[in-house]
Amino acid sequence: MEISKLKENMERSYDDQLKRITDMVELKLTQTTTRLEQQLAEEQAARLKAEENAQIAQEKSNDEIRKLRENLESAKRETEELHKKKIDKCAIL
């Protein structure tokens, strides 16, 4: 009788330890999963913000390039007009 009670107590103790270890592992796994999901969400938000900033910078760059091209074309036209006026003046003189 004593041996069977001792065996039963040992089995119960083993089951309790196994349950505590299982609960601990599950808790750690849940905590790690939560932390990784939060980290992923933060990194995705940061990536989206970086993409938005890059898009804004690209639009500003494109706008600046467009303005520079317009200024260059305007300068070319002015140069051609001045050149024509100079030629016309020289022909008159």
N, C-alpha and C. Protein backbone atom coordinates (compact mmCIF):
# COMPACT_ATOMS: atom_id res chain seq x y z
N MET A 1 0.81 -1.19 0.00
CA MET A 1 0.00 0.00 0.00
C MET A 1 0.85 1.26 0.00
N GLU A 2 1.86 1.29 0.83
CA GLU A 2 2.75 2.45 0.92
C GLU A 2 3.46 2.71 -0.40
N ILE A 3 3.87 1.67 -1.06
CA ILE A 3 4.60 1.81 -2.32
C ILE A 3 3.69 2.40 -3.38
N SER A 4 2.47 1.96 -3.44
CA SER A 4 1.56 2.50 -4.45
C SER A 4 1.24 3.97 -4.17
N LYS A 5 1.11 4.34 -2.88
CA LYS A 5 0.88 5.75 -2.55
C LYS A 5 2.10 6.59 -2.91
N LEU A 6 3.26 6.06 -2.61
CA LEU A 6 4.50 6.77 -2.94
C LEU A 6 4.62 6.94 -4.45
N LYS A 7 4.29 5.88 -5.18
CA LYS A 7 4.33 5.94 -6.64
C LYS A 7 3.31 6.97 -7.15
N GLU A 8 2.12 6.97 -6.56
CA GLU A 8 1.08 7.92 -6.95
C GLU A 8 1.53 9.36 -6.67
N ASN A 9 2.13 9.57 -5.52
CA ASN A 9 2.63 10.90 -5.17
C ASN A 9 3.73 11.35 -6.13
N MET A 10 4.62 10.43 -6.49
CA MET A 10 5.70 10.76 -7.43
C MET A 10 5.12 11.12 -8.80
N GLU A 11 4.13 10.35 -9.24
CA GLU A 11 3.50 10.63 -10.53
C GLU A 11 2.79 11.98 -10.51
N ARG A 12 2.10 12.26 -9.39
CA ARG A 12 1.41 13.54 -9.26
C ARG A 12 2.43 14.68 -9.27
N SER A 13 3.52 14.49 -8.55
CA SER A 13 4.57 15.51 -8.50
C SER A 13 5.16 15.72 -9.89
N TYR A 14 5.40 14.62 -10.61
CA TYR A 14 5.93 14.72 -11.97
C TYR A 14 4.93 15.47 -12.86
N ASP A 15 3.65 15.11 -12.76
CA ASP A 15 2.62 15.77 -13.57
C ASP A 15 2.54 17.26 -13.24
N ASP A 16 2.64 17.59 -11.95
CA ASP A 16 2.61 19.00 -11.54
C ASP A 16 3.81 19.76 -12.11
N GLN A 17 4.98 19.14 -12.01
CA GLN A 17 6.19 19.79 -12.56
C GLN A 17 6.06 19.97 -14.07
N LEU A 18 5.58 18.93 -14.74
CA LEU A 18 5.40 19.00 -16.19
C LEU A 18 4.41 20.10 -16.55
N LYS A 19 3.33 20.20 -15.77
CA LYS A 19 2.33 21.25 -16.02
C LYS A 19 2.94 22.63 -15.82
N ARG A 20 3.71 22.82 -14.74
CA ARG A 20 4.35 24.12 -14.49
C ARG A 20 5.32 24.47 -15.61
N ILE A 21 6.10 23.50 -16.03
CA ILE A 21 7.07 23.75 -17.11
C ILE A 21 6.33 24.07 -18.41
N THR A 22 5.28 23.32 -18.70
CA THR A 22 4.49 23.56 -19.91
C THR A 22 3.87 24.95 -19.87
N ASP A 23 3.31 25.33 -18.72
CA ASP A 23 2.72 26.67 -18.58
C ASP A 23 3.77 27.75 -18.76
N MET A 24 4.96 27.53 -18.19
CA MET A 24 6.04 28.52 -18.33
C MET A 24 6.45 28.67 -19.80
N VAL A 25 6.59 27.54 -20.48
CA VAL A 25 6.99 27.58 -21.89
C VAL A 25 5.91 28.28 -22.72
N GLU A 26 4.65 27.96 -22.45
CA GLU A 26 3.55 28.61 -23.18
C GLU A 26 3.54 30.11 -22.93
N LEU A 27 3.76 30.52 -21.68
CA LEU A 27 3.78 31.94 -21.35
C LEU A 27 4.93 32.64 -22.08
N LYS A 28 6.11 32.03 -22.03
CA LYS A 28 7.26 32.63 -22.72
C LYS A 28 7.00 32.71 -24.22
N LEU A 29 6.41 31.67 -24.78
CA LEU A 29 6.11 31.66 -26.21
C LEU A 29 5.10 32.76 -26.55
N THR A 30 4.08 32.91 -25.73
CA THR A 30 3.08 33.96 -25.94
C THR A 30 3.72 35.34 -25.85
N GLN A 31 4.56 35.54 -24.83
CA GLN A 31 5.23 36.83 -24.66
C GLN A 31 6.15 37.13 -25.85
N THR A 32 6.89 36.12 -26.27
CA THR A 32 7.80 36.31 -27.41
C THR A 32 7.02 36.60 -28.68
N THR A 33 5.93 35.88 -28.90
CA THR A 33 5.09 36.11 -30.08
C THR A 33 4.53 37.53 -30.07
N THR A 34 4.04 37.96 -28.91
CA THR A 34 3.49 39.32 -28.78
C THR A 34 4.57 40.36 -29.06
N ARG A 35 5.75 40.15 -28.48
CA ARG A 35 6.85 41.10 -28.68
C ARG A 35 7.25 41.16 -30.15
N LEU A 36 7.34 40.00 -30.80
CA LEU A 36 7.73 39.97 -32.21
C LEU A 36 6.65 40.60 -33.10
N GLU A 37 5.38 40.37 -32.78
CA GLU A 37 4.30 41.00 -33.55
C GLU A 37 4.35 42.52 -33.41
N GLN A 38 4.63 42.99 -32.20
CA GLN A 38 4.73 44.43 -31.97
C GLN A 38 5.93 45.00 -32.73
N GLN A 39 7.05 44.28 -32.67
CA GLN A 39 8.25 44.73 -33.38
C GLN A 39 8.00 44.77 -34.88
N LEU A 40 7.31 43.75 -35.40
CA LEU A 40 6.99 43.71 -36.82
C LEU A 40 6.10 44.90 -37.21
N ALA A 41 5.10 45.18 -36.38
CA ALA A 41 4.20 46.30 -36.66
C ALA A 41 4.97 47.62 -36.66
N GLU A 42 5.88 47.78 -35.70
CA GLU A 42 6.68 49.01 -35.64
C GLU A 42 7.58 49.14 -36.86
N GLU A 43 8.20 48.03 -37.26
CA GLU A 43 9.08 48.07 -38.42
C GLU A 43 8.29 48.33 -39.70
N GLN A 44 7.09 47.77 -39.81
CA GLN A 44 6.25 48.03 -40.98
C GLN A 44 5.85 49.50 -41.02
N ALA A 45 5.50 50.06 -39.87
CA ALA A 45 5.13 51.48 -39.82
C ALA A 45 6.32 52.35 -40.19
N ALA A 46 7.50 51.98 -39.70
CA ALA A 46 8.71 52.75 -40.02
C ALA A 46 9.01 52.65 -41.52
N ARG A 47 8.82 51.46 -42.10
CA ARG A 47 9.06 51.28 -43.53
C ARG A 47 8.09 52.13 -44.35
N LEU A 48 6.83 52.13 -43.95
CA LEU A 48 5.83 52.95 -44.66
C LEU A 48 6.18 54.43 -44.57
N LYS A 49 6.61 54.87 -43.38
CA LYS A 49 6.99 56.27 -43.20
C LYS A 49 8.19 56.60 -44.08
N ALA A 50 9.17 55.69 -44.12
CA ALA A 50 10.35 55.91 -44.96
C ALA A 50 9.95 55.96 -46.44
N GLU A 51 9.03 55.08 -46.85
CA GLU A 51 8.56 55.10 -48.24
C GLU A 51 7.83 56.40 -48.56
N GLU A 52 7.03 56.88 -47.61
CA GLU A 52 6.33 58.15 -47.81
C GLU A 52 7.33 59.29 -47.94
N ASN A 53 8.32 59.29 -47.06
CA ASN A 53 9.35 60.34 -47.12
C ASN A 53 10.13 60.27 -48.43
N ALA A 54 10.42 59.06 -48.88
CA ALA A 54 11.13 58.90 -50.15
C ALA A 54 10.27 59.40 -51.31
N GLN A 55 8.97 59.11 -51.25
CA GLN A 55 8.05 59.58 -52.29
C GLN A 55 7.99 61.10 -52.32
N ILE A 56 7.91 61.71 -51.14
CA ILE A 56 7.88 63.18 -51.05
C ILE A 56 9.18 63.76 -51.61
N ALA A 57 10.31 63.16 -51.22
CA ALA A 57 11.61 63.64 -51.71
C ALA A 57 11.70 63.49 -53.22
N GLN A 58 11.18 62.37 -53.76
CA GLN A 58 11.20 62.15 -55.21
C GLN A 58 10.36 63.20 -55.92
N GLU A 59 9.19 63.50 -55.36
CA GLU A 59 8.32 64.51 -55.97
C GLU A 59 8.98 65.88 -55.95
N LYS A 60 9.63 66.22 -54.83
CA LYS A 60 10.33 67.50 -54.75
C LYS A 60 11.47 67.55 -55.76
N SER A 61 12.18 66.44 -55.87
CA SER A 61 13.29 66.37 -56.83
C SER A 61 12.78 66.52 -58.26
N ASN A 62 11.70 65.82 -58.57
CA ASN A 62 11.12 65.92 -59.91
C ASN A 62 10.66 67.35 -60.20
N ASP A 63 10.06 67.99 -59.20
CA ASP A 63 9.60 69.37 -59.36
C ASP A 63 10.79 70.30 -59.59
N GLU A 64 11.85 70.10 -58.82
CA GLU A 64 13.05 70.93 -58.97
C GLU A 64 13.68 70.73 -60.35
N ILE A 65 13.74 69.48 -60.81
CA ILE A 65 14.28 69.19 -62.14
C ILE A 65 13.43 69.87 -63.21
N ARG A 66 12.09 69.79 -63.06
CA ARG A 66 11.20 70.44 -64.02
C ARG A 66 11.45 71.95 -64.06
N LYS A 67 11.56 72.56 -62.88
CA LYS A 67 11.81 74.01 -62.82
C LYS A 67 13.16 74.36 -63.45
N LEU A 68 14.17 73.55 -63.18
CA LEU A 68 15.49 73.81 -63.77
C LEU A 68 15.44 73.69 -65.29
N ARG A 69 14.71 72.70 -65.78
CA ARG A 69 14.58 72.54 -67.24
C ARG A 69 13.86 73.74 -67.85
N GLU A 70 12.80 74.19 -67.16
CA GLU A 70 12.08 75.36 -67.65
C GLU A 70 13.00 76.58 -67.67
N ASN A 71 13.77 76.76 -66.61
CA ASN A 71 14.71 77.88 -66.55
C ASN A 71 15.77 77.78 -67.65
N LEU A 72 16.24 76.56 -67.89
CA LEU A 72 17.24 76.35 -68.94
C LEU A 72 16.65 76.69 -70.31
N GLU A 73 15.42 76.22 -70.56
CA GLU A 73 14.78 76.53 -71.84
C GLU A 73 14.57 78.04 -71.98
N SER A 74 14.15 78.67 -70.91
CA SER A 74 13.95 80.12 -70.94
C SER A 74 15.27 80.84 -71.22
N ALA A 75 16.33 80.39 -70.57
CA ALA A 75 17.65 81.00 -70.79
C ALA A 75 18.10 80.78 -72.23
N LYS A 76 17.83 79.60 -72.77
CA LYS A 76 18.20 79.33 -74.17
C LYS A 76 17.45 80.28 -75.11
N ARG A 77 16.14 80.44 -74.86
CA ARG A 77 15.34 81.34 -75.70
C ARG A 77 15.88 82.76 -75.62
N GLU A 78 16.15 83.22 -74.40
CA GLU A 78 16.68 84.57 -74.23
C GLU A 78 18.01 84.74 -74.94
N THR A 79 18.85 83.73 -74.83
CA THR A 79 20.15 83.79 -75.50
C THR A 79 19.97 83.86 -77.01
N GLU A 80 19.07 83.04 -77.54
CA GLU A 80 18.81 83.05 -78.98
C GLU A 80 18.25 84.41 -79.42
N GLU A 81 17.34 84.96 -78.62
CA GLU A 81 16.76 86.27 -78.96
C GLU A 81 17.84 87.35 -78.94
N LEU A 82 18.68 87.33 -77.91
CA LEU A 82 19.77 88.31 -77.84
C LEU A 82 20.74 88.14 -79.00
N HIS A 83 21.00 86.90 -79.36
CA HIS A 83 21.90 86.62 -80.47
C HIS A 83 21.31 87.15 -81.78
N LYS A 84 19.98 86.93 -81.96
CA LYS A 84 19.31 87.43 -83.17
C LYS A 84 19.34 88.95 -83.20
N LYS A 85 19.06 89.59 -82.05
CA LYS A 85 19.09 91.06 -82.00
C LYS A 85 20.49 91.57 -82.32
N LYS A 86 21.49 90.88 -81.84
CA LYS A 86 22.87 91.30 -82.09
C LYS A 86 23.19 91.18 -83.58
N ILE A 87 22.75 90.08 -84.18
CA ILE A 87 22.98 89.89 -85.61
C ILE A 87 22.24 90.95 -86.41
N ASP A 88 20.98 91.22 -86.03
CA ASP A 88 20.19 92.24 -86.73
C ASP A 88 20.85 93.61 -86.59
N LYS A 89 21.35 93.95 -85.42
CA LYS A 89 22.02 95.23 -85.22
C LYS A 89 23.27 95.32 -86.08
N CYS A 90 24.01 94.22 -86.10
CA CYS A 90 25.24 94.21 -86.90
C CYS A 90 24.91 94.38 -88.38
N ALA A 91 23.83 93.77 -88.83
CA ALA A 91 23.45 93.87 -90.24
C ALA A 91 23.02 95.29 -90.58
N ILE A 92 22.34 95.94 -89.64
CA ILE A 92 21.90 97.32 -89.87
C ILE A 92 23.10 98.25 -89.90
N LEU A 93 24.05 98.03 -89.01
CA LEU A 93 25.21 98.91 -88.95
C LEU A 93 26.05 98.65 -90.16
